[in-house]
Amino acid sequence: MMNIKAFTKAGIALALLMTPGASARAQAQEPAATEENKFYCNIGALNPAERAHHQQLTAKIIAVRNEIVETPKGYEFQFSPSSISLAELADWVVAEGKCCPFFNFHIDLEKKGNLLCLGLTGEEGIKPVIRTEFHVPAK
């Protein structure tokens, strides 16, 4: 079962990332990563321009996904290549990997190039983080 304290801190960190001008305040308050708090976002990993670009891509990923498939270790988001490119997903993964190194990423191009998939997995307890951060609706 996920540590609620760690989950709350991760949610607060993401909320601060999404709030313009909050990063300087948040950097001064960011907690050190510990085993108890393994789902911690490093909000200082991206500069302001990178963070703004990453926020735009995150919003696009959430808005244009066609399907959400729960997997044993996380979730897979499925997209039409006409709504988001493989390059955009790769760009997003590179940035997300810098600030949230606890995620494992998988990008697949399937069905003869007609389906793009982004898989997010991680250690036990990652699913609630993914559900919150990526607005996965309850079943």
N, C-alpha and C. Protein backbone atom coordinates (compact mmCIF):
# COMPACT_ATOMS: atom_id res chain seq x y z
N MET A 1 0.84 -1.17 0.00
CA MET A 1 0.00 0.00 0.00
C MET A 1 0.89 1.24 0.00
N MET A 2 0.50 2.24 -0.75
CA MET A 2 1.32 3.44 -0.91
C MET A 2 1.26 4.32 0.33
N ASN A 3 2.38 4.87 0.64
CA ASN A 3 2.50 5.81 1.75
C ASN A 3 1.75 7.09 1.36
N ILE A 4 0.71 7.45 2.08
CA ILE A 4 -0.13 8.62 1.77
C ILE A 4 0.69 9.89 1.84
N LYS A 5 1.61 9.99 2.79
CA LYS A 5 2.44 11.18 2.93
C LYS A 5 3.27 11.40 1.66
N ALA A 6 3.87 10.33 1.15
CA ALA A 6 4.67 10.44 -0.08
C ALA A 6 3.79 10.82 -1.26
N PHE A 7 2.62 10.22 -1.35
CA PHE A 7 1.70 10.51 -2.44
C PHE A 7 1.25 11.96 -2.40
N THR A 8 0.95 12.46 -1.21
CA THR A 8 0.52 13.85 -1.06
C THR A 8 1.63 14.80 -1.47
N LYS A 9 2.86 14.53 -1.06
CA LYS A 9 3.98 15.39 -1.43
C LYS A 9 4.19 15.40 -2.93
N ALA A 10 4.04 14.24 -3.58
CA ALA A 10 4.18 14.18 -5.03
C ALA A 10 3.08 15.00 -5.71
N GLY A 11 1.87 14.92 -5.19
CA GLY A 11 0.77 15.71 -5.74
C GLY A 11 0.99 17.20 -5.55
N ILE A 12 1.50 17.58 -4.40
CA ILE A 12 1.78 18.99 -4.14
C ILE A 12 2.86 19.49 -5.09
N ALA A 13 3.89 18.68 -5.28
CA ALA A 13 4.97 19.07 -6.18
C ALA A 13 4.44 19.29 -7.59
N LEU A 14 3.58 18.39 -8.08
CA LEU A 14 3.02 18.56 -9.42
C LEU A 14 2.13 19.79 -9.47
N ALA A 15 1.34 20.02 -8.45
CA ALA A 15 0.48 21.20 -8.44
C ALA A 15 1.31 22.47 -8.50
N LEU A 16 2.42 22.48 -7.79
CA LEU A 16 3.31 23.64 -7.83
C LEU A 16 3.91 23.82 -9.21
N LEU A 17 4.23 22.69 -9.87
CA LEU A 17 4.76 22.77 -11.23
C LEU A 17 3.75 23.39 -12.18
N MET A 18 2.50 23.11 -11.95
CA MET A 18 1.45 23.57 -12.84
C MET A 18 1.04 25.02 -12.54
N THR A 19 1.54 25.59 -11.44
CA THR A 19 1.19 26.96 -11.06
C THR A 19 2.28 27.91 -11.51
N PRO A 20 1.96 28.84 -12.43
CA PRO A 20 2.99 29.77 -12.90
C PRO A 20 3.63 30.53 -11.74
N GLY A 21 4.96 30.64 -11.79
CA GLY A 21 5.69 31.39 -10.79
C GLY A 21 5.92 30.66 -9.48
N ALA A 22 5.40 29.47 -9.34
CA ALA A 22 5.51 28.77 -8.07
C ALA A 22 6.82 27.99 -7.94
N SER A 23 7.53 27.78 -9.04
CA SER A 23 8.69 26.90 -8.98
C SER A 23 9.77 27.41 -8.04
N ALA A 24 10.03 28.70 -8.01
CA ALA A 24 11.07 29.23 -7.12
C ALA A 24 10.69 28.98 -5.66
N ARG A 25 9.41 29.19 -5.34
CA ARG A 25 8.96 28.93 -3.97
C ARG A 25 9.06 27.45 -3.65
N ALA A 26 8.70 26.62 -4.60
CA ALA A 26 8.68 25.18 -4.37
C ALA A 26 10.09 24.62 -4.22
N GLN A 27 11.03 25.13 -5.00
CA GLN A 27 12.39 24.62 -4.93
C GLN A 27 12.96 24.79 -3.53
N ALA A 28 12.62 25.86 -2.89
CA ALA A 28 13.11 26.09 -1.54
C ALA A 28 12.47 25.13 -0.55
N GLN A 29 11.32 24.55 -0.91
CA GLN A 29 10.60 23.69 0.00
C GLN A 29 10.64 22.22 -0.40
N GLU A 30 11.29 21.89 -1.52
CA GLU A 30 11.22 20.51 -1.97
C GLU A 30 11.92 19.58 -0.99
N PRO A 31 11.26 18.44 -0.65
CA PRO A 31 11.82 17.52 0.32
C PRO A 31 12.90 16.65 -0.32
N ALA A 32 13.76 16.11 0.50
CA ALA A 32 14.75 15.16 0.00
C ALA A 32 14.07 13.83 -0.27
N ALA A 33 14.51 13.16 -1.32
CA ALA A 33 13.94 11.85 -1.65
C ALA A 33 14.43 10.84 -0.61
N THR A 34 13.51 10.04 -0.12
CA THR A 34 13.85 8.99 0.83
C THR A 34 13.14 7.73 0.39
N GLU A 35 13.46 6.62 1.02
CA GLU A 35 12.77 5.36 0.70
C GLU A 35 11.28 5.50 1.00
N GLU A 36 10.95 6.24 2.05
CA GLU A 36 9.56 6.45 2.42
C GLU A 36 8.85 7.32 1.37
N ASN A 37 9.59 8.19 0.74
CA ASN A 37 9.04 9.16 -0.20
C ASN A 37 9.64 8.90 -1.59
N LYS A 38 9.45 7.70 -2.14
CA LYS A 38 10.12 7.33 -3.39
C LYS A 38 9.46 7.90 -4.64
N PHE A 39 8.27 8.46 -4.54
CA PHE A 39 7.60 9.05 -5.69
C PHE A 39 7.65 10.57 -5.58
N TYR A 40 8.84 11.10 -5.62
CA TYR A 40 9.09 12.51 -5.42
C TYR A 40 9.58 13.12 -6.73
N CYS A 41 8.96 14.21 -7.15
CA CYS A 41 9.33 14.89 -8.40
C CYS A 41 10.41 15.93 -8.11
N ASN A 42 11.45 15.92 -8.91
CA ASN A 42 12.52 16.90 -8.79
C ASN A 42 12.13 18.11 -9.64
N ILE A 43 11.49 19.07 -9.04
CA ILE A 43 10.97 20.20 -9.80
C ILE A 43 12.06 21.13 -10.31
N GLY A 44 13.28 20.96 -9.82
CA GLY A 44 14.39 21.76 -10.30
C GLY A 44 15.11 21.15 -11.50
N ALA A 45 14.65 19.99 -11.97
CA ALA A 45 15.33 19.29 -13.06
C ALA A 45 15.16 19.97 -14.42
N LEU A 46 14.11 20.78 -14.56
CA LEU A 46 13.84 21.47 -15.82
C LEU A 46 13.94 22.97 -15.61
N ASN A 47 14.51 23.67 -16.57
CA ASN A 47 14.53 25.12 -16.48
C ASN A 47 13.13 25.66 -16.83
N PRO A 48 12.85 26.92 -16.61
CA PRO A 48 11.50 27.44 -16.84
C PRO A 48 10.97 27.20 -18.27
N ALA A 49 11.81 27.35 -19.27
CA ALA A 49 11.35 27.12 -20.65
C ALA A 49 11.05 25.65 -20.89
N GLU A 50 11.91 24.77 -20.38
CA GLU A 50 11.67 23.33 -20.52
C GLU A 50 10.40 22.94 -19.78
N ARG A 51 10.21 23.49 -18.59
CA ARG A 51 9.03 23.17 -17.78
C ARG A 51 7.75 23.60 -18.48
N ALA A 52 7.76 24.80 -19.08
CA ALA A 52 6.57 25.29 -19.80
C ALA A 52 6.26 24.38 -20.99
N HIS A 53 7.29 24.01 -21.72
CA HIS A 53 7.09 23.11 -22.87
C HIS A 53 6.56 21.75 -22.40
N HIS A 54 7.12 21.25 -21.30
CA HIS A 54 6.70 19.96 -20.76
C HIS A 54 5.24 20.01 -20.29
N GLN A 55 4.86 21.10 -19.66
CA GLN A 55 3.47 21.26 -19.21
C GLN A 55 2.52 21.24 -20.41
N GLN A 56 2.91 21.88 -21.50
CA GLN A 56 2.08 21.88 -22.71
C GLN A 56 1.93 20.46 -23.26
N LEU A 57 3.04 19.72 -23.31
CA LEU A 57 2.97 18.34 -23.80
C LEU A 57 2.15 17.46 -22.87
N THR A 58 2.29 17.66 -21.57
CA THR A 58 1.50 16.87 -20.61
C THR A 58 0.00 17.12 -20.83
N ALA A 59 -0.38 18.36 -20.98
CA ALA A 59 -1.79 18.69 -21.23
C ALA A 59 -2.27 18.05 -22.52
N LYS A 60 -1.43 18.07 -23.54
CA LYS A 60 -1.81 17.46 -24.82
C LYS A 60 -1.97 15.95 -24.68
N ILE A 61 -1.04 15.30 -23.98
CA ILE A 61 -1.13 13.85 -23.77
C ILE A 61 -2.44 13.48 -23.09
N ILE A 62 -2.80 14.24 -22.09
CA ILE A 62 -4.04 13.96 -21.36
C ILE A 62 -5.25 14.22 -22.25
N ALA A 63 -5.21 15.29 -23.04
CA ALA A 63 -6.36 15.68 -23.86
C ALA A 63 -6.61 14.78 -25.05
N VAL A 64 -5.56 14.26 -25.68
CA VAL A 64 -5.76 13.55 -26.95
C VAL A 64 -5.69 12.03 -26.85
N ARG A 65 -5.50 11.50 -25.66
CA ARG A 65 -5.44 10.03 -25.57
C ARG A 65 -6.81 9.45 -25.90
N ASN A 66 -6.77 8.32 -26.59
CA ASN A 66 -8.02 7.66 -26.99
C ASN A 66 -8.46 6.61 -25.99
N GLU A 67 -7.51 5.89 -25.45
CA GLU A 67 -7.82 4.81 -24.51
C GLU A 67 -6.81 4.83 -23.37
N ILE A 68 -7.26 4.32 -22.22
CA ILE A 68 -6.40 4.11 -21.07
C ILE A 68 -6.54 2.64 -20.69
N VAL A 69 -5.43 1.93 -20.71
CA VAL A 69 -5.45 0.50 -20.39
C VAL A 69 -4.63 0.29 -19.12
N GLU A 70 -5.27 -0.29 -18.11
CA GLU A 70 -4.54 -0.62 -16.89
C GLU A 70 -3.72 -1.87 -17.14
N THR A 71 -2.47 -1.85 -16.73
CA THR A 71 -1.58 -3.00 -16.87
C THR A 71 -1.21 -3.48 -15.47
N PRO A 72 -0.58 -4.64 -15.36
CA PRO A 72 -0.23 -5.12 -14.01
C PRO A 72 0.64 -4.15 -13.21
N LYS A 73 1.50 -3.38 -13.89
CA LYS A 73 2.43 -2.50 -13.17
C LYS A 73 2.19 -1.03 -13.42
N GLY A 74 1.10 -0.66 -14.08
CA GLY A 74 0.85 0.76 -14.36
C GLY A 74 -0.29 0.97 -15.33
N TYR A 75 -0.07 1.87 -16.29
CA TYR A 75 -1.09 2.20 -17.27
C TYR A 75 -0.45 2.41 -18.64
N GLU A 76 -1.26 2.17 -19.67
CA GLU A 76 -0.86 2.48 -21.04
C GLU A 76 -1.87 3.46 -21.60
N PHE A 77 -1.36 4.54 -22.18
CA PHE A 77 -2.20 5.53 -22.84
C PHE A 77 -2.05 5.31 -24.34
N GLN A 78 -3.18 5.22 -25.04
CA GLN A 78 -3.17 4.96 -26.48
C GLN A 78 -3.61 6.20 -27.24
N PHE A 79 -2.94 6.44 -28.37
CA PHE A 79 -3.15 7.64 -29.15
C PHE A 79 -3.23 7.31 -30.64
N SER A 80 -3.89 8.18 -31.36
CA SER A 80 -3.85 8.15 -32.82
C SER A 80 -2.63 8.96 -33.24
N PRO A 81 -1.81 8.45 -34.15
CA PRO A 81 -0.65 9.23 -34.61
C PRO A 81 -1.03 10.56 -35.28
N SER A 82 -2.30 10.73 -35.63
CA SER A 82 -2.72 12.01 -36.20
C SER A 82 -2.95 13.06 -35.11
N SER A 83 -3.04 12.64 -33.83
CA SER A 83 -3.28 13.59 -32.75
C SER A 83 -2.03 13.95 -31.96
N ILE A 84 -1.03 13.08 -31.98
CA ILE A 84 0.24 13.34 -31.30
C ILE A 84 1.31 12.52 -32.02
N SER A 85 2.50 13.07 -32.12
CA SER A 85 3.55 12.37 -32.87
C SER A 85 4.42 11.53 -31.94
N LEU A 86 5.11 10.60 -32.55
CA LEU A 86 6.08 9.79 -31.83
C LEU A 86 7.17 10.70 -31.25
N ALA A 87 7.57 11.70 -32.01
CA ALA A 87 8.60 12.65 -31.54
C ALA A 87 8.11 13.43 -30.31
N GLU A 88 6.84 13.83 -30.28
CA GLU A 88 6.30 14.54 -29.12
C GLU A 88 6.29 13.64 -27.88
N LEU A 89 5.90 12.37 -28.07
CA LEU A 89 5.91 11.45 -26.92
C LEU A 89 7.34 11.24 -26.42
N ALA A 90 8.29 11.08 -27.34
CA ALA A 90 9.69 10.90 -26.94
C ALA A 90 10.21 12.14 -26.22
N ASP A 91 9.88 13.30 -26.73
CA ASP A 91 10.27 14.57 -26.09
C ASP A 91 9.71 14.63 -24.67
N TRP A 92 8.45 14.25 -24.50
CA TRP A 92 7.82 14.27 -23.19
C TRP A 92 8.51 13.29 -22.24
N VAL A 93 8.82 12.09 -22.74
CA VAL A 93 9.47 11.07 -21.90
C VAL A 93 10.83 11.55 -21.41
N VAL A 94 11.61 12.18 -22.28
CA VAL A 94 12.93 12.67 -21.87
C VAL A 94 12.79 13.67 -20.72
N ALA A 95 11.87 14.62 -20.84
CA ALA A 95 11.69 15.62 -19.78
C ALA A 95 11.10 14.99 -18.52
N GLU A 96 10.10 14.15 -18.67
CA GLU A 96 9.46 13.52 -17.50
C GLU A 96 10.47 12.65 -16.75
N GLY A 97 11.35 11.99 -17.49
CA GLY A 97 12.37 11.15 -16.87
C GLY A 97 13.35 11.95 -16.03
N LYS A 98 13.56 13.21 -16.39
CA LYS A 98 14.45 14.07 -15.61
C LYS A 98 13.83 14.45 -14.27
N CYS A 99 12.55 14.81 -14.30
CA CYS A 99 11.93 15.29 -13.06
C CYS A 99 11.27 14.18 -12.25
N CYS A 100 10.90 13.10 -12.90
CA CYS A 100 10.23 11.99 -12.19
C CYS A 100 10.91 10.67 -12.54
N PRO A 101 12.12 10.46 -12.03
CA PRO A 101 12.89 9.28 -12.41
C PRO A 101 12.34 7.96 -11.89
N PHE A 102 11.29 8.01 -11.08
CA PHE A 102 10.69 6.79 -10.56
C PHE A 102 9.78 6.10 -11.57
N PHE A 103 9.47 6.78 -12.69
CA PHE A 103 8.65 6.15 -13.74
C PHE A 103 9.52 5.31 -14.67
N ASN A 104 8.94 4.24 -15.17
CA ASN A 104 9.50 3.49 -16.29
C ASN A 104 8.60 3.82 -17.47
N PHE A 105 9.20 4.06 -18.63
CA PHE A 105 8.45 4.48 -19.81
C PHE A 105 8.58 3.44 -20.92
N HIS A 106 7.50 3.31 -21.68
CA HIS A 106 7.49 2.42 -22.85
C HIS A 106 6.72 3.15 -23.94
N ILE A 107 7.34 3.30 -25.10
CA ILE A 107 6.64 3.88 -26.25
C ILE A 107 6.59 2.80 -27.32
N ASP A 108 5.40 2.55 -27.83
CA ASP A 108 5.21 1.54 -28.87
C ASP A 108 4.46 2.13 -30.04
N LEU A 109 4.85 1.73 -31.22
CA LEU A 109 4.14 2.05 -32.45
C LEU A 109 3.59 0.73 -32.95
N GLU A 110 2.27 0.63 -32.99
CA GLU A 110 1.60 -0.65 -33.28
C GLU A 110 0.62 -0.51 -34.44
N LYS A 111 0.03 -1.63 -34.81
CA LYS A 111 -1.00 -1.70 -35.85
C LYS A 111 -0.58 -0.97 -37.13
N LYS A 112 0.62 -1.36 -37.61
CA LYS A 112 1.16 -0.81 -38.86
C LYS A 112 1.24 0.72 -38.83
N GLY A 113 1.61 1.26 -37.68
CA GLY A 113 1.78 2.70 -37.54
C GLY A 113 0.51 3.46 -37.24
N ASN A 114 -0.58 2.77 -36.98
CA ASN A 114 -1.86 3.43 -36.72
C ASN A 114 -2.20 3.59 -35.24
N LEU A 115 -1.30 3.17 -34.35
CA LEU A 115 -1.55 3.28 -32.91
C LEU A 115 -0.24 3.59 -32.20
N LEU A 116 -0.23 4.65 -31.43
CA LEU A 116 0.90 5.01 -30.57
C LEU A 116 0.51 4.71 -29.13
N CYS A 117 1.41 4.09 -28.38
CA CYS A 117 1.13 3.76 -26.99
C CYS A 117 2.24 4.28 -26.10
N LEU A 118 1.85 4.87 -24.99
CA LEU A 118 2.79 5.34 -23.97
C LEU A 118 2.49 4.57 -22.71
N GLY A 119 3.43 3.75 -22.28
CA GLY A 119 3.27 2.99 -21.04
C GLY A 119 4.01 3.66 -19.90
N LEU A 120 3.36 3.76 -18.76
CA LEU A 120 3.97 4.28 -17.53
C LEU A 120 3.86 3.20 -16.48
N THR A 121 5.00 2.80 -15.95
CA THR A 121 5.03 1.79 -14.90
C THR A 121 6.04 2.24 -13.85
N GLY A 122 6.19 1.43 -12.82
CA GLY A 122 7.15 1.73 -11.77
C GLY A 122 7.03 0.74 -10.65
N GLU A 123 7.64 1.10 -9.53
CA GLU A 123 7.61 0.23 -8.37
C GLU A 123 6.19 0.12 -7.81
N GLU A 124 6.02 -0.85 -6.92
CA GLU A 124 4.73 -1.03 -6.27
C GLU A 124 4.28 0.30 -5.65
N GLY A 125 3.02 0.64 -5.86
CA GLY A 125 2.47 1.88 -5.36
C GLY A 125 2.42 2.99 -6.39
N ILE A 126 2.90 2.73 -7.60
CA ILE A 126 2.94 3.77 -8.63
C ILE A 126 1.57 4.07 -9.24
N LYS A 127 0.68 3.09 -9.26
CA LYS A 127 -0.62 3.29 -9.92
C LYS A 127 -1.41 4.48 -9.37
N PRO A 128 -1.52 4.66 -8.06
CA PRO A 128 -2.26 5.85 -7.57
C PRO A 128 -1.62 7.16 -8.03
N VAL A 129 -0.30 7.18 -8.12
CA VAL A 129 0.40 8.38 -8.59
C VAL A 129 0.00 8.66 -10.04
N ILE A 130 0.04 7.63 -10.88
CA ILE A 130 -0.32 7.79 -12.29
C ILE A 130 -1.77 8.24 -12.41
N ARG A 131 -2.66 7.59 -11.66
CA ARG A 131 -4.09 7.96 -11.73
C ARG A 131 -4.30 9.43 -11.41
N THR A 132 -3.62 9.92 -10.39
CA THR A 132 -3.77 11.32 -10.00
C THR A 132 -3.11 12.27 -10.99
N GLU A 133 -1.86 12.02 -11.29
CA GLU A 133 -1.08 12.93 -12.12
C GLU A 133 -1.58 13.00 -13.55
N PHE A 134 -2.17 11.93 -14.06
CA PHE A 134 -2.60 11.88 -15.45
C PHE A 134 -4.12 11.77 -15.59
N HIS A 135 -4.81 12.12 -14.53
CA HIS A 135 -6.27 12.23 -14.54
C HIS A 135 -6.94 10.98 -15.12
N VAL A 136 -6.55 9.83 -14.60
CA VAL A 136 -7.16 8.57 -15.01
C VAL A 136 -8.47 8.43 -14.26
N PRO A 137 -9.58 8.36 -15.00
CA PRO A 137 -10.89 8.27 -14.33
C PRO A 137 -11.05 6.96 -13.56
N ALA A 138 -11.78 7.03 -12.47
CA ALA A 138 -12.09 5.82 -11.70
C ALA A 138 -12.95 4.91 -12.56
N LYS A 139 -12.78 3.62 -12.32
CA LYS A 139 -13.57 2.64 -13.10
C LYS A 139 -14.99 2.59 -12.64
